[in-house]
């Protein structure tokens, strides 16, 4: 059963595009907030990335359910006046335009909070606006590269980006959390807040462990493919009919792996593998020991041993595997009246059907409601 709609009564106005802004506001919409999405006549860029879902982009239908869409011209004085009228009675304003664009339109945080002191005004930016990179355009892959994430992702030979838009997604999630904090604070103070959330800050925070290893431990984080750079064995191994991923994170798990799965008690105190730093250093030698056993076993037999030893394991699924996964929870949405299913958001796994708005679907009603 769906939990209570905690943000019912909250109105959000968003000049948003692509992923980061819509990720933030769809989380608010899922929780019951009214989200008014302002689009130009061409529509949000993400509407046109592909036509995978009933002639609409997969990105767009994923991140825009439950919102209202109004088409406005940001270069038109009357439409800008209309936007300010909406914002004057809103609880939250979110924008992820190009650097400086909102200020040039007269929609800077200082101007908006002067109109509406209770407003929570959120700017989603590529880089902190007090840094030398303030005016840099920032797309997901560029920020993954600039933050060093690509340098620790991929194979030893090839740095790689993460296969989904993690800079955008994580930034939107940070913005969502910041808005919830600001709503709680407003309950105490009666005042709104200005918030800046940077994509680069988001991924730099994620990169703290490799950076701490670099600065404090004087060692670099290698690219190790489908393995963990600093915990071992924590990777995939071949067996007779596929691959199994195992994760050994503490001394007792290491002992159980050696005794109950590998049948090699002599490895427990082997100086090459006696603790996690030693196993990380000697991972190639350890791989040989493990593969020599795993390759002789079927995945079913290996999983049975791992389960009996209370050791963590998993399978490296592909997208088809995800779509058929027994743990996958789904919700139903609609675009153009056509239903489709998608993975449920973790916060609202029993979300009721929410429609994806057509471009400008609510323009007439919203113009009447907020008539200047």
Foldseek 3Di string as FASTA:
>chain_A
DWDALVLAPAEEEEAEADFQQLLQVQVNLLSHYAYEYEAAPVGHPQQVPALPDVGGHPRQQVRFFRYHFAHADLVDPVRLVLVLLVLLPHAEYEYEDQQPPCVVSVNDPVSSCVSHFNHAYEYEYADDCVDPCRRPHDDQVNLCVVLCVQQQEDAQVGRDDPPDSVLSNQQSVVVNVVSVVQVVVCVVVVGGYYYYGHSNVRVNVVCVVQVCCVPPVVDGFGHHYQQDRQFPPAGWADAQPAIKGFGDHALLSVCLCCVQQLVHNVQCCDVCPVDGVSCSVVVVVVNVSVNVRRHHDDPVVNVVSCVVSVTDMDHDDDVVCQVVPPVFQWAWEDEPNHIDIDGADPSTSPRHYTYRDDHNNCHVVSCVVSPD
